[in-house]
N, C-alpha and C. Protein backbone atom coordinates (compact mmCIF):
# COMPACT_ATOMS: atom_id res chain seq x y z
N SER A 1 92.20 -2.17 -149.89
CA SER A 1 91.81 -1.87 -148.51
C SER A 1 92.18 -3.05 -147.62
N LYS A 2 92.25 -2.79 -146.34
CA LYS A 2 92.57 -3.85 -145.37
C LYS A 2 91.54 -4.97 -145.46
N LYS A 3 90.27 -4.62 -145.64
CA LYS A 3 89.22 -5.65 -145.72
C LYS A 3 89.46 -6.57 -146.92
N GLU A 4 89.81 -5.99 -148.06
CA GLU A 4 90.06 -6.81 -149.25
C GLU A 4 91.28 -7.71 -149.06
N ILE A 5 92.33 -7.16 -148.45
CA ILE A 5 93.54 -7.96 -148.21
C ILE A 5 93.23 -9.10 -147.24
N THR A 6 92.45 -8.82 -146.21
CA THR A 6 92.08 -9.86 -145.24
C THR A 6 91.27 -10.97 -145.92
N GLU A 7 90.37 -10.61 -146.83
CA GLU A 7 89.61 -11.62 -147.56
C GLU A 7 90.53 -12.45 -148.45
N LEU A 8 91.50 -11.80 -149.10
CA LEU A 8 92.48 -12.53 -149.92
C LEU A 8 93.34 -13.45 -149.05
N GLU A 9 93.62 -13.01 -147.82
CA GLU A 9 94.42 -13.82 -146.91
C GLU A 9 93.68 -15.11 -146.54
N VAL A 10 92.39 -15.03 -146.28
CA VAL A 10 91.59 -16.21 -145.97
C VAL A 10 91.65 -17.19 -147.14
N LEU A 11 91.50 -16.67 -148.35
CA LEU A 11 91.58 -17.50 -149.56
C LEU A 11 92.95 -18.14 -149.70
N ALA A 12 94.02 -17.36 -149.47
CA ALA A 12 95.38 -17.87 -149.62
C ALA A 12 95.66 -19.00 -148.62
N ARG A 13 95.11 -18.89 -147.42
CA ARG A 13 95.31 -19.95 -146.43
C ARG A 13 94.61 -21.23 -146.83
N LYS A 14 93.45 -21.09 -147.48
CA LYS A 14 92.69 -22.28 -147.89
C LYS A 14 93.20 -22.89 -149.19
N LYS A 15 93.43 -22.03 -150.20
CA LYS A 15 93.72 -22.52 -151.54
C LYS A 15 95.11 -22.17 -152.05
N GLY A 16 95.86 -21.36 -151.29
CA GLY A 16 97.16 -20.89 -151.76
C GLY A 16 97.00 -19.58 -152.50
N SER A 17 98.07 -18.84 -152.57
CA SER A 17 98.02 -17.53 -153.21
C SER A 17 98.39 -17.59 -154.69
N GLY A 18 99.06 -18.66 -155.10
CA GLY A 18 99.52 -18.76 -156.48
C GLY A 18 100.79 -17.97 -156.74
N ILE A 19 101.34 -17.35 -155.71
CA ILE A 19 102.57 -16.58 -155.87
C ILE A 19 103.74 -17.55 -156.03
N GLU A 20 104.54 -17.31 -157.07
CA GLU A 20 105.65 -18.20 -157.37
C GLU A 20 106.97 -17.43 -157.35
N PHE A 21 108.04 -18.17 -157.33
CA PHE A 21 109.40 -17.63 -157.23
C PHE A 21 109.65 -16.49 -158.22
N ASP A 22 109.46 -16.75 -159.51
CA ASP A 22 109.80 -15.76 -160.53
C ASP A 22 109.03 -14.45 -160.39
N SER A 23 107.79 -14.51 -159.92
CA SER A 23 106.99 -13.30 -159.80
C SER A 23 107.47 -12.39 -158.66
N LEU A 24 108.27 -12.92 -157.74
CA LEU A 24 108.78 -12.13 -156.62
C LEU A 24 110.08 -11.42 -156.93
N ILE A 25 110.77 -11.84 -157.96
CA ILE A 25 112.06 -11.25 -158.30
C ILE A 25 111.87 -9.78 -158.65
N GLY A 26 112.65 -8.92 -158.01
CA GLY A 26 112.59 -7.49 -158.30
C GLY A 26 112.76 -6.65 -157.06
N LEU A 27 112.55 -5.35 -157.24
CA LEU A 27 112.64 -4.38 -156.15
C LEU A 27 111.24 -3.94 -155.78
N TRP A 28 110.88 -4.14 -154.52
CA TRP A 28 109.55 -3.81 -154.01
C TRP A 28 109.67 -2.63 -153.06
N LYS A 29 108.97 -1.56 -153.35
CA LYS A 29 108.96 -0.36 -152.50
C LYS A 29 107.81 -0.47 -151.50
N PHE A 30 108.12 -0.17 -150.25
CA PHE A 30 107.12 -0.22 -149.20
C PHE A 30 106.01 0.78 -149.47
N GLU A 31 104.77 0.38 -149.24
CA GLU A 31 103.62 1.27 -149.46
C GLU A 31 102.82 1.51 -148.17
N SER A 32 102.36 0.46 -147.51
CA SER A 32 101.49 0.61 -146.35
C SER A 32 101.71 -0.51 -145.34
N VAL A 33 101.38 -0.20 -144.06
CA VAL A 33 101.46 -1.21 -143.02
C VAL A 33 100.28 -1.04 -142.07
N TRP A 34 99.79 -2.17 -141.60
CA TRP A 34 98.76 -2.21 -140.56
C TRP A 34 99.32 -3.04 -139.43
N LYS A 35 99.17 -2.54 -138.20
CA LYS A 35 99.57 -3.32 -137.05
C LYS A 35 98.59 -4.47 -136.86
N GLN A 36 99.03 -5.48 -136.15
CA GLN A 36 98.17 -6.62 -135.86
C GLN A 36 96.91 -6.16 -135.13
N SER A 37 95.79 -6.73 -135.47
CA SER A 37 94.50 -6.50 -134.81
C SER A 37 93.96 -5.08 -134.96
N THR A 38 94.26 -4.42 -136.07
CA THR A 38 93.66 -3.12 -136.33
C THR A 38 93.26 -3.03 -137.80
N ASP A 39 92.17 -2.33 -138.07
CA ASP A 39 91.70 -2.17 -139.45
C ASP A 39 92.19 -0.89 -140.08
N LYS A 40 92.89 -0.06 -139.31
CA LYS A 40 93.38 1.21 -139.83
C LYS A 40 94.86 1.12 -140.13
N GLU A 41 95.23 1.67 -141.26
CA GLU A 41 96.64 1.75 -141.63
C GLU A 41 97.38 2.54 -140.54
N ASP A 42 98.60 2.13 -140.24
CA ASP A 42 99.43 2.86 -139.29
C ASP A 42 100.04 4.05 -140.04
N PRO A 43 99.43 5.25 -139.90
CA PRO A 43 99.85 6.37 -140.74
C PRO A 43 101.29 6.83 -140.47
N ILE A 44 101.73 6.76 -139.22
CA ILE A 44 103.09 7.21 -138.91
C ILE A 44 104.12 6.24 -139.48
N ALA A 45 103.97 4.97 -139.19
CA ALA A 45 104.92 3.97 -139.70
C ALA A 45 104.91 3.94 -141.23
N SER A 46 103.72 3.97 -141.84
CA SER A 46 103.64 3.94 -143.30
C SER A 46 104.33 5.15 -143.90
N SER A 47 104.06 6.33 -143.36
CA SER A 47 104.67 7.56 -143.88
C SER A 47 106.18 7.54 -143.74
N LEU A 48 106.67 7.15 -142.55
CA LEU A 48 108.11 7.12 -142.34
C LEU A 48 108.80 6.13 -143.28
N LEU A 49 108.20 4.96 -143.44
CA LEU A 49 108.81 3.97 -144.32
C LEU A 49 108.81 4.42 -145.78
N ARG A 50 107.79 5.16 -146.20
CA ARG A 50 107.78 5.71 -147.56
C ARG A 50 108.80 6.83 -147.69
N ILE A 51 108.87 7.73 -146.69
CA ILE A 51 109.83 8.84 -146.71
C ILE A 51 111.26 8.31 -146.80
N PHE A 52 111.56 7.26 -146.03
CA PHE A 52 112.91 6.71 -146.02
C PHE A 52 113.13 5.66 -147.12
N GLY A 53 112.21 5.56 -148.05
CA GLY A 53 112.40 4.69 -149.20
C GLY A 53 112.61 3.24 -148.83
N ALA A 54 111.87 2.75 -147.84
CA ALA A 54 112.01 1.35 -147.44
C ALA A 54 111.72 0.43 -148.62
N SER A 55 112.58 -0.55 -148.81
CA SER A 55 112.38 -1.46 -149.93
C SER A 55 112.81 -2.88 -149.57
N LEU A 56 112.31 -3.79 -150.36
CA LEU A 56 112.61 -5.21 -150.24
C LEU A 56 113.04 -5.67 -151.62
N GLU A 57 114.29 -6.10 -151.72
CA GLU A 57 114.80 -6.58 -153.01
C GLU A 57 114.95 -8.09 -152.95
N LEU A 58 114.41 -8.77 -153.94
CA LEU A 58 114.52 -10.22 -154.03
C LEU A 58 115.15 -10.58 -155.37
N ARG A 59 116.24 -11.33 -155.31
CA ARG A 59 116.92 -11.82 -156.52
C ARG A 59 117.18 -13.31 -156.35
N GLU A 60 117.42 -13.96 -157.46
CA GLU A 60 117.81 -15.36 -157.40
C GLU A 60 119.18 -15.45 -156.75
N ALA A 61 119.32 -16.35 -155.79
CA ALA A 61 120.59 -16.51 -155.08
C ALA A 61 121.65 -17.07 -156.02
N GLU A 62 122.83 -16.46 -155.99
CA GLU A 62 123.95 -16.97 -156.79
C GLU A 62 124.54 -18.21 -156.13
N ILE A 63 124.60 -18.18 -154.80
CA ILE A 63 125.08 -19.32 -154.03
C ILE A 63 123.88 -19.83 -153.23
N ASN A 64 123.60 -21.11 -153.35
CA ASN A 64 122.44 -21.69 -152.69
C ASN A 64 122.78 -22.04 -151.24
N GLU A 65 122.82 -21.02 -150.38
CA GLU A 65 123.18 -21.19 -148.97
C GLU A 65 122.00 -21.77 -148.19
N GLU A 66 122.22 -22.89 -147.52
CA GLU A 66 121.18 -23.55 -146.72
C GLU A 66 119.91 -23.79 -147.53
N ASN A 67 120.03 -24.13 -148.80
CA ASN A 67 118.92 -24.36 -149.72
C ASN A 67 118.03 -23.14 -149.91
N MET A 68 118.57 -21.95 -149.65
CA MET A 68 117.83 -20.72 -149.84
C MET A 68 117.92 -20.31 -151.31
N LYS A 69 116.80 -19.99 -151.90
CA LYS A 69 116.74 -19.66 -153.32
C LYS A 69 116.83 -18.16 -153.60
N PHE A 70 116.53 -17.33 -152.58
CA PHE A 70 116.52 -15.89 -152.76
C PHE A 70 117.70 -15.22 -152.08
N HIS A 71 118.22 -14.20 -152.73
CA HIS A 71 119.10 -13.21 -152.10
C HIS A 71 118.14 -12.09 -151.73
N ILE A 72 118.13 -11.67 -150.47
CA ILE A 72 117.16 -10.69 -150.00
C ILE A 72 117.89 -9.50 -149.38
N VAL A 73 117.43 -8.30 -149.73
CA VAL A 73 117.97 -7.07 -149.14
C VAL A 73 116.80 -6.21 -148.69
N ASN A 74 116.79 -5.87 -147.42
CA ASN A 74 115.77 -4.99 -146.86
C ASN A 74 116.51 -3.70 -146.52
N SER A 75 116.04 -2.55 -147.03
CA SER A 75 116.82 -1.33 -146.83
C SER A 75 115.95 -0.10 -146.63
N ILE A 76 116.60 0.92 -146.05
CA ILE A 76 116.02 2.26 -145.96
C ILE A 76 117.10 3.25 -146.36
N ARG A 77 116.66 4.43 -146.84
CA ARG A 77 117.60 5.46 -147.33
C ARG A 77 117.42 6.76 -146.56
N PHE A 78 118.55 7.44 -146.34
CA PHE A 78 118.59 8.79 -145.78
C PHE A 78 119.43 9.61 -146.74
N GLY A 79 118.83 10.16 -147.77
CA GLY A 79 119.60 10.87 -148.79
C GLY A 79 120.51 9.91 -149.51
N ILE A 80 121.84 10.16 -149.44
CA ILE A 80 122.79 9.28 -150.13
C ILE A 80 123.19 8.08 -149.27
N LEU A 81 122.79 8.06 -148.00
CA LEU A 81 123.11 6.94 -147.11
C LEU A 81 122.00 5.89 -147.14
N SER A 82 122.39 4.65 -147.05
CA SER A 82 121.40 3.57 -146.93
C SER A 82 121.88 2.57 -145.90
N ILE A 83 120.90 2.02 -145.18
CA ILE A 83 121.15 0.91 -144.26
C ILE A 83 120.50 -0.30 -144.90
N ARG A 84 121.30 -1.35 -145.06
CA ARG A 84 120.83 -2.54 -145.76
C ARG A 84 121.04 -3.78 -144.90
N PHE A 85 120.00 -4.59 -144.80
CA PHE A 85 120.10 -5.90 -144.17
C PHE A 85 120.13 -6.90 -145.31
N VAL A 86 121.20 -7.70 -145.37
CA VAL A 86 121.43 -8.59 -146.51
C VAL A 86 121.37 -10.04 -146.04
N GLY A 87 120.61 -10.86 -146.76
CA GLY A 87 120.50 -12.26 -146.36
C GLY A 87 119.93 -13.14 -147.45
N SER A 88 119.25 -14.18 -147.00
CA SER A 88 118.72 -15.20 -147.90
C SER A 88 117.32 -15.60 -147.47
N GLY A 89 116.55 -16.14 -148.41
CA GLY A 89 115.20 -16.60 -148.12
C GLY A 89 114.78 -17.68 -149.10
N GLU A 90 113.62 -18.27 -148.83
CA GLU A 90 113.10 -19.33 -149.69
C GLU A 90 111.58 -19.32 -149.61
N LEU A 91 110.93 -19.95 -150.56
CA LEU A 91 109.47 -20.11 -150.54
C LEU A 91 109.14 -21.51 -150.07
N THR A 92 108.16 -21.61 -149.17
CA THR A 92 107.70 -22.92 -148.71
C THR A 92 106.18 -22.91 -148.63
N GLY A 93 105.58 -24.03 -148.90
CA GLY A 93 104.14 -24.19 -148.75
C GLY A 93 103.35 -23.57 -149.90
N SER A 94 102.03 -23.71 -149.81
CA SER A 94 101.17 -23.25 -150.91
C SER A 94 100.69 -21.82 -150.73
N GLN A 95 100.72 -21.29 -149.48
CA GLN A 95 100.25 -19.90 -149.32
C GLN A 95 101.13 -18.95 -150.10
N PRO A 96 102.35 -18.94 -150.23
CA PRO A 96 103.42 -19.61 -149.50
C PRO A 96 103.98 -18.71 -148.40
N LEU A 97 104.91 -19.30 -147.62
CA LEU A 97 105.68 -18.53 -146.66
C LEU A 97 107.03 -18.19 -147.29
N LEU A 98 107.57 -17.04 -146.91
CA LEU A 98 108.91 -16.64 -147.32
C LEU A 98 109.75 -16.47 -146.06
N PRO A 99 110.27 -17.59 -145.49
CA PRO A 99 111.16 -17.46 -144.34
C PRO A 99 112.51 -16.92 -144.83
N PHE A 100 113.17 -16.12 -143.98
CA PHE A 100 114.43 -15.51 -144.39
C PHE A 100 115.29 -15.25 -143.16
N PHE A 101 116.53 -14.88 -143.41
CA PHE A 101 117.43 -14.44 -142.35
C PHE A 101 118.38 -13.42 -142.97
N PHE A 102 118.94 -12.59 -142.11
CA PHE A 102 119.93 -11.62 -142.55
C PHE A 102 121.28 -12.05 -142.00
N ARG A 103 122.27 -12.08 -142.88
CA ARG A 103 123.61 -12.47 -142.46
C ARG A 103 124.50 -11.27 -142.20
N SER A 104 124.09 -10.06 -142.69
CA SER A 104 124.91 -8.88 -142.44
C SER A 104 124.07 -7.61 -142.49
N ILE A 105 124.63 -6.56 -141.90
CA ILE A 105 124.06 -5.22 -141.98
C ILE A 105 125.14 -4.33 -142.59
N GLU A 106 124.72 -3.46 -143.51
CA GLU A 106 125.65 -2.59 -144.20
C GLU A 106 125.19 -1.14 -144.11
N LEU A 107 126.16 -0.24 -144.07
CA LEU A 107 125.90 1.17 -144.23
C LEU A 107 126.65 1.59 -145.49
N LYS A 108 125.90 2.17 -146.44
CA LYS A 108 126.50 2.55 -147.71
C LYS A 108 126.24 4.03 -147.98
N SER A 109 127.18 4.65 -148.66
CA SER A 109 127.01 5.99 -149.21
C SER A 109 127.02 5.81 -150.71
N GLU A 110 125.83 5.91 -151.30
CA GLU A 110 125.62 5.56 -152.70
C GLU A 110 126.15 4.14 -152.90
N ASP A 111 127.21 3.93 -153.68
CA ASP A 111 127.72 2.57 -153.91
C ASP A 111 128.94 2.22 -153.05
N LYS A 112 129.37 3.15 -152.20
CA LYS A 112 130.55 2.92 -151.37
C LYS A 112 130.15 2.32 -150.02
N LEU A 113 130.72 1.18 -149.70
CA LEU A 113 130.45 0.50 -148.43
C LEU A 113 131.23 1.19 -147.32
N LEU A 114 130.53 1.71 -146.31
CA LEU A 114 131.15 2.40 -145.19
C LEU A 114 131.32 1.50 -143.98
N PHE A 115 130.40 0.55 -143.81
CA PHE A 115 130.38 -0.31 -142.63
C PHE A 115 129.68 -1.60 -143.00
N ASN A 116 130.22 -2.71 -142.50
CA ASN A 116 129.61 -4.01 -142.73
C ASN A 116 129.85 -4.86 -141.48
N ARG A 117 128.77 -5.43 -140.96
CA ARG A 117 128.90 -6.29 -139.77
C ARG A 117 128.09 -7.56 -139.97
N SER A 118 128.70 -8.67 -139.64
CA SER A 118 128.00 -9.96 -139.71
C SER A 118 126.98 -10.06 -138.60
N LEU A 119 125.88 -10.73 -138.89
CA LEU A 119 124.83 -10.97 -137.92
C LEU A 119 124.72 -12.47 -137.66
N GLU A 120 124.30 -12.81 -136.47
CA GLU A 120 124.10 -14.22 -136.14
C GLU A 120 122.86 -14.72 -136.88
N ILE A 121 122.99 -15.85 -137.55
CA ILE A 121 121.87 -16.43 -138.29
C ILE A 121 121.00 -17.22 -137.30
N PRO A 122 119.72 -16.85 -137.19
CA PRO A 122 118.86 -17.55 -136.22
C PRO A 122 118.58 -18.99 -136.65
N LYS A 123 118.23 -19.81 -135.68
CA LYS A 123 117.82 -21.17 -135.98
C LYS A 123 116.58 -21.11 -136.87
N GLU A 124 116.39 -22.14 -137.66
CA GLU A 124 115.30 -22.16 -138.64
C GLU A 124 113.94 -21.84 -138.01
N LYS A 125 113.65 -22.39 -136.85
CA LYS A 125 112.33 -22.18 -136.21
C LYS A 125 112.15 -20.75 -135.70
N ASP A 126 113.24 -20.01 -135.54
CA ASP A 126 113.18 -18.64 -135.01
C ASP A 126 113.28 -17.56 -136.08
N ARG A 127 113.35 -17.96 -137.33
CA ARG A 127 113.54 -16.98 -138.41
C ARG A 127 112.26 -16.20 -138.69
N PRO A 128 112.43 -14.93 -139.06
CA PRO A 128 111.26 -14.16 -139.50
C PRO A 128 110.73 -14.72 -140.81
N PHE A 129 109.50 -14.36 -141.14
CA PHE A 129 108.93 -14.79 -142.42
C PHE A 129 107.84 -13.82 -142.84
N PHE A 130 107.51 -13.88 -144.12
CA PHE A 130 106.33 -13.22 -144.65
C PHE A 130 105.40 -14.30 -145.16
N ALA A 131 104.15 -14.29 -144.70
CA ALA A 131 103.11 -15.16 -145.26
C ALA A 131 102.54 -14.38 -146.44
N LEU A 132 102.86 -14.82 -147.65
CA LEU A 132 102.47 -14.08 -148.86
C LEU A 132 100.98 -14.28 -149.12
N ILE A 133 100.27 -13.17 -149.22
CA ILE A 133 98.81 -13.20 -149.32
C ILE A 133 98.34 -13.11 -150.75
N ALA A 134 98.76 -12.07 -151.44
CA ALA A 134 98.27 -11.86 -152.81
C ALA A 134 99.23 -10.96 -153.56
N MET A 135 99.11 -11.02 -154.88
CA MET A 135 99.89 -10.19 -155.77
C MET A 135 98.95 -9.68 -156.85
N GLY A 136 99.17 -8.43 -157.27
CA GLY A 136 98.35 -7.85 -158.32
C GLY A 136 98.44 -8.65 -159.61
N GLU A 137 97.39 -8.56 -160.40
CA GLU A 137 97.31 -9.31 -161.65
C GLU A 137 98.52 -9.09 -162.55
N ARG A 138 99.02 -7.87 -162.59
CA ARG A 138 100.19 -7.55 -163.41
C ARG A 138 101.45 -7.49 -162.55
N GLN A 139 101.41 -8.10 -161.38
CA GLN A 139 102.53 -8.18 -160.44
C GLN A 139 103.01 -6.80 -160.00
N GLN A 140 102.09 -5.83 -159.94
CA GLN A 140 102.47 -4.47 -159.56
C GLN A 140 102.46 -4.25 -158.05
N TRP A 141 101.79 -5.10 -157.28
CA TRP A 141 101.77 -4.98 -155.82
C TRP A 141 101.82 -6.36 -155.19
N LEU A 142 102.24 -6.37 -153.92
CA LEU A 142 102.38 -7.61 -153.16
C LEU A 142 101.93 -7.34 -151.73
N SER A 143 101.16 -8.24 -151.17
CA SER A 143 100.75 -8.11 -149.77
C SER A 143 101.21 -9.34 -148.99
N ALA A 144 101.57 -9.09 -147.72
CA ALA A 144 102.06 -10.19 -146.87
C ALA A 144 101.87 -9.83 -145.40
N ARG A 145 101.79 -10.87 -144.59
CA ARG A 145 101.73 -10.70 -143.14
C ARG A 145 103.05 -11.21 -142.57
N GLY A 146 103.64 -10.42 -141.70
CA GLY A 146 104.91 -10.79 -141.08
C GLY A 146 104.71 -11.71 -139.89
N ARG A 147 105.81 -12.25 -139.42
CA ARG A 147 105.78 -13.16 -138.27
C ARG A 147 105.13 -12.51 -137.05
N GLY A 148 105.31 -11.18 -136.87
CA GLY A 148 104.75 -10.46 -135.74
C GLY A 148 103.28 -10.11 -135.90
N GLY A 149 102.67 -10.45 -137.04
CA GLY A 149 101.25 -10.23 -137.23
C GLY A 149 100.90 -8.99 -138.03
N GLY A 150 101.88 -8.13 -138.30
CA GLY A 150 101.61 -6.93 -139.09
C GLY A 150 101.36 -7.28 -140.55
N LEU A 151 100.64 -6.41 -141.22
CA LEU A 151 100.28 -6.60 -142.62
C LEU A 151 100.95 -5.51 -143.44
N ALA A 152 101.56 -5.85 -144.57
CA ALA A 152 102.26 -4.87 -145.39
C ALA A 152 101.88 -5.01 -146.86
N ILE A 153 102.00 -3.89 -147.56
CA ILE A 153 101.82 -3.87 -149.02
C ILE A 153 103.04 -3.18 -149.62
N TRP A 154 103.60 -3.80 -150.66
CA TRP A 154 104.71 -3.23 -151.43
C TRP A 154 104.26 -3.04 -152.87
N MET A 155 104.86 -2.05 -153.53
CA MET A 155 104.63 -1.80 -154.95
C MET A 155 105.94 -2.15 -155.68
N LYS A 156 105.80 -2.81 -156.84
CA LYS A 156 107.01 -3.18 -157.58
C LYS A 156 107.58 -1.94 -158.27
N ASN A 157 108.87 -1.77 -158.15
CA ASN A 157 109.54 -0.61 -158.72
C ASN A 157 109.86 -0.87 -160.18
């Protein structure tokens, strides 16, 4: 529940969440979202993101660009089509934060790349991030608050 996640967030800010690099590796399917300053799940946004198979993929970076340890892909699907934002991220601090940036946007049909465009990489201070709150005991779920204040939960695929 939002109340439980908020309590875990208070703990993570004080003592850290204990979330580490290796536990984040994998494909995370979007589950729920709450807008900033509300205790109710945003049913429309949550439903749409589930319907479109929104996901967050984190892998170890093959090339350590700007000291970023993660290769990150944020995507949604429309049948065989997918829109993917591809970039890099890293863990910082004890909560920790996962600042990231996207270097390109892709449109794919299954495994065939239809469109690819480079994106401007924002300055470090302007990059989006997830403040990682908690992870399930068996690493089956992950909760985080985004830079804009929204709260999200993902389930590991």
